[in-house]
Protein backbone atom coordinates (compact mmCIF):
# COMPACT_ATOMS: atom_id res chain seq x y z
CA UNK A 1 29.63 1.29 38.57
CA UNK A 2 33.21 2.43 38.15
CA UNK A 3 34.36 -0.23 40.61
CA UNK A 4 32.63 -2.96 38.62
CA UNK A 5 34.27 -1.82 35.38
CA UNK A 6 37.66 -1.65 37.05
CA UNK A 7 37.28 -5.11 38.53
CA UNK A 8 36.14 -6.56 35.22
CA UNK A 9 39.05 -4.97 33.36
CA UNK A 10 41.50 -6.25 35.95
CA UNK A 11 40.08 -9.78 35.71
CA UNK A 12 40.31 -9.76 31.90
CA UNK A 13 43.91 -8.52 32.08
CA UNK A 14 44.81 -11.27 34.54
CA UNK A 15 43.15 -13.90 32.35
CA UNK A 16 44.94 -12.70 29.22
CA UNK A 17 48.28 -12.61 30.98
CA UNK A 18 47.76 -15.97 32.68
CA UNK A 19 50.28 -18.73 32.38
CA UNK A 20 49.82 -21.91 30.33
CA UNK A 21 50.50 -25.22 32.06
CA UNK A 22 50.54 -27.30 28.84
CA UNK A 23 53.89 -28.68 27.64
CA UNK A 24 55.31 -27.08 24.53
CA UNK A 25 54.18 -29.15 21.57
CA UNK A 26 56.92 -30.58 19.36
CA UNK A 27 55.98 -32.71 16.36
CA UNK A 28 57.49 -36.20 16.69
CA UNK A 29 60.14 -37.16 14.18
CA UNK A 30 58.86 -39.22 11.26
CA UNK A 31 59.59 -42.89 12.04
CA UNK A 32 60.21 -43.67 8.34
CA UNK A 33 62.99 -43.09 5.77
CA UNK A 34 63.22 -39.64 4.22
CA UNK A 35 62.00 -40.84 0.82
CA UNK A 36 59.89 -43.72 -0.39
CA UNK A 37 61.78 -46.64 -1.97
CA UNK A 38 62.00 -46.11 -5.71
CA UNK A 39 62.57 -49.66 -6.94
CA UNK A 40 63.07 -50.48 -10.65
CA UNK A 41 61.04 -47.63 -12.09
CA UNK A 42 59.50 -48.33 -15.48
CA UNK A 43 59.05 -44.73 -16.53
CA UNK A 44 60.78 -41.43 -15.96
CA UNK A 45 59.17 -38.58 -14.09
CA UNK A 46 58.62 -35.29 -15.83
CA UNK A 47 57.21 -31.84 -15.21
CA UNK A 48 53.65 -33.09 -15.53
CA UNK A 49 53.97 -35.50 -12.62
CA UNK A 50 51.00 -35.77 -10.32
CA UNK A 51 51.29 -34.16 -6.91
CA UNK A 52 49.14 -34.29 -3.81
CA UNK A 53 47.63 -30.97 -4.85
CA UNK A 54 46.22 -32.33 -8.12
CA UNK A 55 42.46 -32.02 -8.01
CA UNK A 56 40.54 -35.22 -8.60
CA UNK A 57 38.75 -33.64 -11.56
CA UNK A 58 42.15 -33.18 -13.21
CA UNK A 59 43.44 -36.61 -12.22
CA UNK A 60 40.53 -38.70 -13.55
CA UNK A 61 40.40 -38.03 -17.27
CA UNK A 62 37.51 -40.28 -18.34
CA UNK A 63 34.35 -38.12 -18.41
CA UNK A 64 32.05 -41.01 -17.48
CA UNK A 65 34.11 -41.89 -14.43
CA UNK A 66 34.29 -38.23 -13.43
CA UNK A 67 30.50 -37.97 -13.54
CA UNK A 68 30.13 -41.08 -11.37
CA UNK A 69 32.59 -39.70 -8.80
CA UNK A 70 30.76 -36.39 -8.68
CA UNK A 71 27.46 -38.21 -8.16
CA UNK A 72 29.02 -40.13 -5.26
CA UNK A 73 30.32 -36.94 -3.67
CA UNK A 74 26.84 -35.43 -3.90
CA UNK A 75 24.86 -38.40 -2.60
CA UNK A 76 27.01 -40.84 -0.62
CA UNK A 77 25.59 -41.31 2.89
CA UNK A 78 28.90 -42.12 4.58
CA UNK A 79 30.25 -38.78 3.41
CA UNK A 80 27.14 -37.05 4.75
CA UNK A 81 27.78 -38.66 8.13
CA UNK A 82 31.35 -37.35 8.07
CA UNK A 83 30.09 -33.84 7.28
CA UNK A 84 27.60 -34.07 10.18
CA UNK A 85 30.44 -35.14 12.48
CA UNK A 86 32.33 -32.00 11.50
CA UNK A 87 29.33 -29.86 12.42
CA UNK A 88 29.04 -31.64 15.77
CA UNK A 89 32.69 -31.02 16.57
CA UNK A 90 32.39 -27.39 15.52
CA UNK A 91 29.40 -26.88 17.80
CA UNK A 92 31.22 -28.49 20.74
CA UNK A 93 34.20 -26.24 20.16
CA UNK A 94 31.98 -23.16 20.20
CA UNK A 95 30.40 -24.29 23.47
CA UNK A 96 33.81 -24.76 25.08
CA UNK A 97 35.19 -21.50 23.67
CA UNK A 98 32.33 -19.56 25.27
CA UNK A 99 33.81 -20.31 28.72
CA UNK A 100 36.76 -18.03 27.95
CA UNK A 101 34.60 -14.91 28.28
CA UNK A 102 32.09 -13.98 30.95
CA UNK A 103 28.48 -14.66 30.16
CA UNK A 104 26.34 -11.58 30.70
CA UNK A 105 22.71 -12.05 31.70
CA UNK A 106 19.74 -9.77 32.35
CA UNK A 107 17.66 -10.53 35.42
CA UNK A 108 14.47 -9.05 36.75
CA UNK A 109 12.45 -9.97 39.81
CA UNK A 110 9.54 -8.85 41.92
CA UNK A 111 8.94 -9.78 45.55
CA UNK A 112 5.62 -9.31 47.30
CA UNK A 113 5.39 -9.85 51.04
CA UNK A 114 2.85 -9.12 53.77
CA UNK A 115 4.09 -9.56 57.35
CA UNK A 116 1.82 -9.32 60.44
CA UNK A 117 2.87 -6.98 63.20
CA UNK A 118 5.25 -5.25 60.82
CA UNK A 119 4.02 -1.96 62.21
CA UNK A 120 2.59 -1.08 65.65
CA UNK A 121 -0.30 1.28 66.05
CA UNK A 122 0.38 4.50 67.87
CA UNK A 123 -2.01 3.53 70.67
CA UNK A 124 -0.25 0.23 71.27
CA UNK A 125 -3.53 -1.66 71.20
CA UNK A 126 -2.61 -4.06 68.38
CA UNK A 127 -0.60 -4.81 65.27
CA UNK A 128 -1.22 -3.77 61.73
CA UNK A 129 0.04 -5.94 58.85
CA UNK A 130 2.57 -4.31 56.53
CA UNK A 131 2.93 -5.09 52.83
CA UNK A 132 6.22 -4.56 50.99
CA UNK A 133 6.74 -4.79 47.22
CA UNK A 134 10.36 -4.99 45.99
CA UNK A 135 11.32 -4.74 42.31
CA UNK A 136 14.82 -5.35 40.90
CA UNK A 137 16.44 -5.28 37.47
CA UNK A 138 20.11 -6.14 36.98
CA UNK A 139 22.81 -7.09 34.48
CA UNK A 140 25.45 -9.44 35.78
CA UNK A 141 28.09 -12.10 35.38
CA UNK A 142 27.56 -15.45 37.07
CA UNK A 143 30.46 -17.63 38.26
CA UNK A 144 32.90 -16.74 35.49
CA UNK A 145 36.20 -18.55 35.96
CA UNK A 146 39.22 -16.24 35.78
CA UNK A 147 41.55 -18.51 33.80
CA UNK A 148 44.84 -17.68 35.56
CA UNK A 149 46.43 -21.08 34.94
CA UNK A 150 45.11 -21.87 31.45
CA UNK A 151 42.68 -24.64 32.34
CA UNK A 152 39.82 -23.25 30.26
CA UNK A 153 42.14 -22.21 27.44
CA UNK A 154 43.63 -25.68 27.20
CA UNK A 155 40.20 -27.30 27.22
CA UNK A 156 39.24 -24.91 24.43
CA UNK A 157 42.43 -25.81 22.56
CA UNK A 158 41.62 -29.51 22.89
CA UNK A 159 38.09 -28.93 21.56
CA UNK A 160 39.49 -26.89 18.67
CA UNK A 161 41.94 -29.64 17.73
CA UNK A 162 39.14 -32.20 17.90
CA UNK A 163 37.21 -30.05 15.45
CA UNK A 164 40.24 -29.80 13.14
CA UNK A 165 40.65 -33.59 13.35
CA UNK A 166 37.01 -34.09 12.34
CA UNK A 167 37.59 -31.88 9.31
CA UNK A 168 40.57 -34.01 8.29
CA UNK A 169 38.57 -37.19 8.89
CA UNK A 170 35.93 -35.83 6.58
CA UNK A 171 38.63 -35.13 3.97
CA UNK A 172 39.98 -38.66 4.41
CA UNK A 173 36.46 -40.03 3.90
CA UNK A 174 36.15 -38.05 0.68
CA UNK A 175 39.51 -39.25 -0.62
CA UNK A 176 38.60 -42.85 0.22
CA UNK A 177 35.21 -42.46 -1.46
CA UNK A 178 36.81 -41.14 -4.65
CA UNK A 179 39.28 -44.04 -4.73
CA UNK A 180 36.63 -46.66 -3.93
CA UNK A 181 34.30 -45.32 -6.59
CA UNK A 182 37.02 -45.26 -9.22
CA UNK A 183 38.14 -48.79 -8.31
CA UNK A 184 34.56 -50.08 -8.38
CA UNK A 185 34.01 -48.48 -11.80
CA UNK A 186 37.20 -50.04 -13.17
CA UNK A 187 36.28 -53.41 -11.67
CA UNK A 188 32.94 -53.31 -13.42
CA UNK A 189 34.69 -52.41 -16.67
CA UNK A 190 37.01 -55.41 -16.30
CA UNK A 191 34.13 -57.77 -15.48
CA UNK A 192 32.21 -56.53 -18.51
CA UNK A 193 35.25 -57.37 -20.62
CA UNK A 194 35.59 -60.79 -18.98
CA UNK A 195 31.94 -61.44 -19.79
CA UNK A 196 32.51 -60.55 -23.43
CA UNK A 197 35.57 -62.83 -23.59
CA UNK A 198 33.54 -65.68 -22.11
CA UNK A 199 30.82 -65.13 -24.72
CA UNK A 200 33.36 -65.13 -27.55
CA UNK A 201 34.98 -68.30 -26.25
CA UNK A 202 31.58 -69.94 -25.79
CA UNK A 203 30.92 -69.32 -29.46
CA UNK A 204 34.30 -70.77 -30.44
CA UNK A 205 33.88 -73.77 -28.14
CA UNK A 206 30.38 -74.28 -29.53
CA UNK A 207 31.70 -74.39 -33.08
CA UNK A 208 34.37 -76.86 -32.02
CA UNK A 209 31.75 -78.99 -30.30
CA UNK A 210 29.53 -79.02 -33.39
CA UNK A 211 32.48 -79.96 -35.59
CA UNK A 212 33.55 -82.73 -33.23
CA UNK A 213 30.03 -84.16 -33.11
CA UNK A 214 29.91 -84.14 -36.90
CA UNK A 215 33.24 -85.94 -37.10
CA UNK A 216 32.04 -88.43 -34.48
CA UNK A 217 28.90 -89.17 -36.47
CA UNK A 218 31.12 -90.03 -39.43
CA UNK A 219 33.39 -92.19 -37.33
CA UNK A 220 36.37 -89.86 -37.64
CA UNK A 221 36.39 -88.60 -34.02
CA UNK A 222 35.99 -90.55 -30.81
CA UNK A 223 33.40 -90.08 -28.09
CA UNK A 224 36.21 -88.93 -25.79
CA UNK A 225 36.87 -85.98 -28.08
CA UNK A 226 33.17 -85.11 -28.02
CA UNK A 227 33.14 -85.17 -24.22
CA UNK A 228 36.27 -83.03 -24.03
CA UNK A 229 34.75 -80.46 -26.36
CA UNK A 230 31.52 -80.55 -24.34
CA UNK A 231 33.49 -79.90 -21.14
CA UNK A 232 35.11 -76.76 -22.54
CA UNK A 233 31.81 -75.52 -23.91
CA UNK A 234 30.00 -76.04 -20.61
CA UNK A 235 32.81 -74.34 -18.70
CA UNK A 236 32.43 -71.28 -20.92
CA UNK A 237 28.68 -71.27 -20.29
CA UNK A 238 29.28 -71.46 -16.55
CA UNK A 239 31.79 -68.60 -16.76
CA UNK A 240 29.22 -66.48 -18.62
CA UNK A 241 26.66 -67.02 -15.85
CA UNK A 242 29.22 -66.17 -13.14
CA UNK A 243 30.44 -63.10 -15.02
CA UNK A 244 26.87 -61.90 -15.58
CA UNK A 245 26.22 -62.16 -11.84
CA UNK A 246 29.46 -60.33 -11.07
CA UNK A 247 28.59 -57.46 -13.40
CA UNK A 248 25.20 -57.09 -11.71
CA UNK A 249 26.87 -57.04 -8.30
CA UNK A 250 29.38 -54.48 -9.54
CA UNK A 251 26.48 -52.27 -10.58
CA UNK A 252 24.91 -52.64 -7.14
CA UNK A 253 28.21 -51.71 -5.47
CA UNK A 254 28.55 -48.62 -7.67
CA UNK A 255 24.97 -47.56 -6.92
CA UNK A 256 25.66 -47.86 -3.19
CA UNK A 257 28.78 -45.71 -3.45
CA UNK A 258 27.02 -43.19 -5.65
CA UNK A 259 24.02 -43.06 -3.36
CA UNK A 260 21.64 -43.38 -6.31
CA UNK A 261 20.98 -45.51 -9.38
CA UNK A 262 23.47 -44.69 -12.12
CA UNK A 263 22.44 -44.35 -15.73
CA UNK A 264 23.71 -46.71 -18.41
CA UNK A 265 25.49 -43.82 -20.15
CA UNK A 266 27.95 -43.55 -17.25
CA UNK A 267 28.67 -47.28 -16.93
CA UNK A 268 31.67 -48.87 -18.67
CA UNK A 269 31.29 -51.60 -21.27
CA UNK A 270 34.96 -52.62 -21.06
CA UNK A 271 38.26 -51.32 -19.79
CA UNK A 272 39.14 -48.20 -21.81
CA UNK A 273 42.12 -48.60 -24.12
CA UNK A 274 43.57 -45.28 -22.93
CA UNK A 275 44.34 -44.40 -19.32
CA UNK A 276 41.43 -43.11 -17.25
CA UNK A 277 43.86 -41.16 -15.04
CA UNK A 278 46.94 -39.03 -15.45
CA UNK A 279 49.83 -41.35 -16.16
CA UNK A 280 52.86 -39.60 -14.69
CA UNK A 281 53.99 -39.77 -11.09
CA UNK A 282 57.31 -39.15 -9.35
CA UNK A 283 59.37 -42.28 -8.82
CA UNK A 284 60.44 -41.09 -5.36
CA UNK A 285 58.22 -39.20 -2.96
CA UNK A 286 59.52 -37.39 0.14
CA UNK A 287 58.19 -38.80 3.39
CA UNK A 288 57.18 -35.29 4.48
CA UNK A 289 54.47 -35.50 1.82
CA UNK A 290 52.70 -37.96 4.10
CA UNK A 291 51.97 -35.14 6.54
CA UNK A 292 49.44 -33.86 4.00
CA UNK A 293 47.42 -37.06 4.11
CA UNK A 294 44.12 -36.30 5.86
CA UNK A 295 44.30 -39.31 8.19
CA UNK A 296 47.80 -38.39 9.35
CA UNK A 297 46.83 -34.74 9.76
CA UNK A 298 43.85 -35.86 11.86
CA UNK A 299 46.13 -37.98 14.05
CA UNK A 300 48.39 -34.99 14.66
CA UNK A 301 45.45 -32.77 15.62
CA UNK A 302 44.40 -35.40 18.14
CA UNK A 303 47.97 -35.44 19.45
CA UNK A 304 47.98 -31.66 19.90
CA UNK A 305 44.63 -31.88 21.69
CA UNK A 306 46.01 -34.52 24.06
CA UNK A 307 48.94 -32.21 24.80
CA UNK A 308 46.50 -29.41 25.70
CA UNK A 309 44.61 -31.77 28.01
CA UNK A 310 47.82 -32.25 29.99
CA UNK A 311 47.84 -28.49 30.60
CA UNK A 312 44.22 -28.57 31.79
CA UNK A 313 45.00 -31.45 34.15
CA UNK A 314 48.01 -29.58 35.56
CA UNK A 315 45.97 -26.45 36.11
CA UNK A 316 43.56 -28.41 38.32
CA UNK A 317 46.25 -28.48 41.04
CA UNK A 318 46.10 -24.67 41.37
CA UNK A 319 43.41 -22.39 42.80
CA UNK A 320 40.25 -21.81 40.81
CA UNK A 321 39.10 -18.20 40.92
CA UNK A 322 35.60 -17.27 39.82
CA UNK A 323 33.72 -14.02 39.73
CA UNK A 324 30.04 -13.22 40.15
CA UNK A 325 29.05 -9.58 39.68
CA UNK A 326 25.86 -7.63 39.08
CA UNK A 327 24.71 -4.06 38.84
CA UNK A 328 21.19 -2.78 38.46
CA UNK A 329 18.36 -0.97 40.14
CA UNK A 330 16.01 -1.73 43.04
CA UNK A 331 12.93 0.02 44.38
CA UNK A 332 9.87 -0.53 46.56
CA UNK A 333 7.58 0.44 43.74
CA UNK A 334 7.53 -0.46 40.08
CA UNK A 335 7.15 3.18 39.08
CA UNK A 336 10.33 4.09 40.98
CA UNK A 337 12.46 1.26 39.56
CA UNK A 338 14.54 3.38 37.20
CA UNK A 339 14.59 6.63 39.12
CA UNK A 340 17.76 8.23 40.39
CA UNK A 341 19.20 6.75 43.54
CA UNK A 342 17.81 3.25 43.03
CA UNK A 343 20.94 1.70 41.49
CA UNK A 344 23.01 -0.91 43.28
CA UNK A 345 25.93 -3.24 42.52
CA UNK A 346 27.48 -6.35 43.97
CA UNK A 347 30.73 -8.23 43.37
CA UNK A 348 31.40 -11.70 44.76
CA UNK A 349 34.82 -13.16 43.87
CA UNK A 350 35.58 -16.62 45.15
CA UNK A 351 38.55 -18.95 45.17
CA UNK A 352 38.94 -22.66 45.81
CA UNK A 353 42.10 -24.70 46.27
CA UNK A 354 42.11 -28.50 46.44
CA UNK A 355 43.88 -29.80 49.53
CA UNK A 356 42.81 -33.41 49.93
CA UNK A 357 41.26 -34.99 46.84
CA UNK A 358 42.59 -38.49 47.50
CA UNK A 359 44.57 -38.58 44.24
CA UNK A 360 41.80 -37.45 41.90
CA UNK A 361 43.79 -34.67 40.22
CA UNK A 362 46.92 -36.79 40.13
CA UNK A 363 44.96 -39.56 38.44
CA UNK A 364 43.56 -37.15 35.87
CA UNK A 365 47.06 -35.91 35.09
CA UNK A 366 48.40 -39.43 34.66
CA UNK A 367 45.46 -40.25 32.43
CA UNK A 368 46.15 -37.16 30.29
CA UNK A 369 49.83 -38.10 29.96
CA UNK A 370 49.03 -41.70 29.09
CA UNK A 371 46.52 -40.50 26.50
CA UNK A 372 49.21 -38.28 24.98
CA UNK A 373 51.61 -41.23 24.79
CA UNK A 374 48.93 -43.27 23.08
CA UNK A 375 48.29 -40.44 20.61
CA UNK A 376 52.03 -40.28 19.82
CA UNK A 377 52.02 -43.99 19.03
CA UNK A 378 48.84 -43.60 16.97
CA UNK A 379 50.37 -40.73 15.01
CA UNK A 380 53.58 -42.63 14.34
CA UNK A 381 51.67 -45.73 13.27
CA UNK A 382 49.58 -43.61 10.90
CA UNK A 383 52.77 -42.29 9.33
CA UNK A 384 54.26 -45.76 9.01
CA UNK A 385 51.04 -47.14 7.53
CA UNK A 386 50.90 -44.30 5.01
CA UNK A 387 54.56 -44.85 4.08
CA UNK A 388 53.94 -48.54 3.49
CA UNK A 389 50.86 -47.87 1.35
CA UNK A 390 52.82 -45.45 -0.83
CA UNK A 391 55.82 -47.81 -1.02
CA UNK A 392 53.63 -50.79 -1.94
CA UNK A 393 51.80 -48.84 -4.63
CA UNK A 394 55.07 -47.56 -6.11
CA UNK A 395 56.58 -51.04 -6.00
CA UNK A 396 53.62 -52.36 -7.98
CA UNK A 397 53.84 -49.49 -10.43
CA UNK A 398 57.55 -50.02 -11.02
CA UNK A 399 56.97 -53.34 -12.82
CA UNK A 400 53.49 -52.85 -14.25
CA UNK A 401 54.57 -51.79 -17.73
CA UNK A 402 56.88 -54.78 -18.13
CA UNK A 403 54.21 -57.14 -16.80
CA UNK A 404 51.56 -55.69 -19.10
CA UNK A 405 53.83 -55.94 -22.13
CA UNK A 406 54.68 -59.56 -21.30
CA UNK A 407 51.05 -60.49 -20.76
CA UNK A 408 49.99 -58.80 -23.99
CA UNK A 409 52.69 -60.70 -25.88
CA UNK A 410 51.57 -63.94 -24.22
CA UNK A 411 47.96 -63.31 -25.25
CA UNK A 412 48.99 -62.55 -28.83
CA UNK A 413 51.10 -65.71 -28.97
CA UNK A 414 48.24 -67.77 -27.54
CA UNK A 415 45.87 -66.34 -30.12
CA UNK A 416 48.24 -67.14 -32.98
CA UNK A 417 48.82 -70.62 -31.56
CA UNK A 418 45.09 -71.23 -31.42
CA UNK A 419 44.59 -70.08 -35.01
CA UNK A 420 47.36 -72.38 -36.25
CA UNK A 421 46.29 -75.41 -34.22
CA UNK A 422 42.66 -74.96 -35.24
CA UNK A 423 43.65 -74.81 -38.90
CA UNK A 424 45.88 -77.89 -38.55
CA UNK A 425 43.12 -79.76 -36.73
CA UNK A 426 40.58 -79.00 -39.44
CA UNK A 427 43.14 -80.07 -42.04
CA UNK A 428 43.68 -83.35 -40.16
CA UNK A 429 47.34 -82.63 -39.36
CA UNK A 430 47.02 -82.29 -35.53
CA UNK A 431 44.84 -84.22 -33.14
CA UNK A 432 41.87 -82.71 -31.36
CA UNK A 433 43.58 -82.42 -27.96
CA UNK A 434 46.17 -79.99 -29.31
CA UNK A 435 43.48 -77.68 -30.68
CA UNK A 436 41.49 -77.90 -27.46
CA UNK A 437 44.52 -77.04 -25.32
CA UNK A 438 45.29 -74.00 -27.48
CA UNK A 439 41.69 -72.82 -27.03
CA UNK A 440 41.96 -73.11 -23.27
CA UNK A 441 45.35 -71.39 -23.23
CA UNK A 442 43.96 -68.47 -25.22
CA UNK A 443 40.98 -68.20 -22.87
CA UNK A 444 43.22 -68.06 -19.79
CA UNK A 445 45.57 -65.58 -21.44
CA UNK A 446 42.68 -63.26 -22.33
CA UNK A 447 41.36 -63.35 -18.75
CA UNK A 448 44.80 -62.76 -17.24
CA UNK A 449 45.44 -59.82 -19.55
CA UNK A 450 42.20 -58.18 -18.40
CA UNK A 451 43.23 -58.71 -14.76
CA UNK A 452 46.65 -57.16 -15.46
CA UNK A 453 45.12 -54.12 -17.13
CA UNK A 454 42.75 -53.71 -14.18
CA UNK A 455 45.67 -53.91 -11.75
CA UNK A 456 47.56 -51.24 -13.66
CA UNK A 457 44.58 -48.88 -13.75
CA UNK A 458 43.74 -49.50 -10.08
CA UNK A 459 47.36 -48.97 -9.11
CA UNK A 460 47.26 -45.34 -10.25
CA UNK A 461 44.11 -44.83 -8.18
CA UNK A 462 45.82 -46.40 -5.16
CA UNK A 463 48.89 -44.16 -5.51
CA UNK A 464 46.65 -41.13 -5.71
CA UNK A 465 44.81 -42.21 -2.55
CA UNK A 466 48.03 -43.12 -0.73
CA UNK A 467 49.59 -39.68 -1.20
CA UNK A 468 46.47 -37.94 0.01
CA UNK A 469 44.76 -37.06 -3.24
CA UNK A 470 43.22 -33.76 -4.20
CA UNK A 471 39.90 -32.73 -2.69
CA UNK A 472 38.69 -30.08 -5.11
């Protein structure tokens, strides 16, 4: 018994003091500039600027949108799949980690045998069969690998990093879901507003059509003017039908993201006049902030896991030492199984060293190194992609205020022009074509202004997603 304990303690000490064949991990340098390009910023940063740590509940300020996002987080099926993937990776890590320590099992057996001629009679006239019953009970370790060269530890490290990567992938899925839900909600708001604009213009075009028909019946207007007015009126009707369809499809898209049917109280009727998100953001963001993006963090965990796999592949070139040990009790009768003097023990260490494997281990090592190189490229591409997304979003933001102001002024001018031309047409000063053109110009200006407001609102969502967002 003492020998077994001593051998076990020695094996554990050797395993704990074993060497590690994996290369030392060094994070690759970021293949991007130190800061994102600022561009012509349209607003100064201040102390209330949004950071990557800002929780989504603090970032999205519209209560209806916040409720829709929470519903999506509770019910979206893609997010549930990501959570299940995390649990799968966690379970696989636990399975691999169990190989670090010896598995202890309890065994019991009974053997019954009856052999002829096992005993000879004293007179030598014949044989007498002999029956033997053997009972054993033991506790032992079966084929536990003494990890002298870090093969099992590196495999465990790789499984752990895969688990960490799955957690980050789940976080990335949540961030993407929040951004997609917010964008879909804003898109529906804009389409609702476009629908209302089309209805208003249909009414105006209808009045113009009625007036033109009346003038035509009196011989004041030509049939061409009637047809032109009819064209504008029919175009508005067609736009109403298309916008109605688009709003219905927007609702379907939101329901899919939310994982359930949303109530009318949480749906937008138009783009809100005030911002639905926090408005302030730094003009320049350090590139190191990208390391906090879940997708980039996941890529780095995969890279670390690939580095550990190199260590496991290297360790395969060295001897594998395993240990099988047991101690217990044995007797010829069940009643004597646990009596004094029936105990026994056995220890069976073994070692194997590959000599000729026809390049198998060398191939595995090359594969592990090539996988690591691929993971380095994947990580660097993830960083570059993240940098571009942030830079593009900031570039759009830098001119949004000026563009929105210009488009608002254009819409106001188009509205005033329409009012004047309509009055002059009714007074007989201007011809019908001038009034019709001003109506069409106003319609286009209204639609473009809605699209610009949607772009500005969506841009803040995109910046929040690009810098990693907040998960709480």
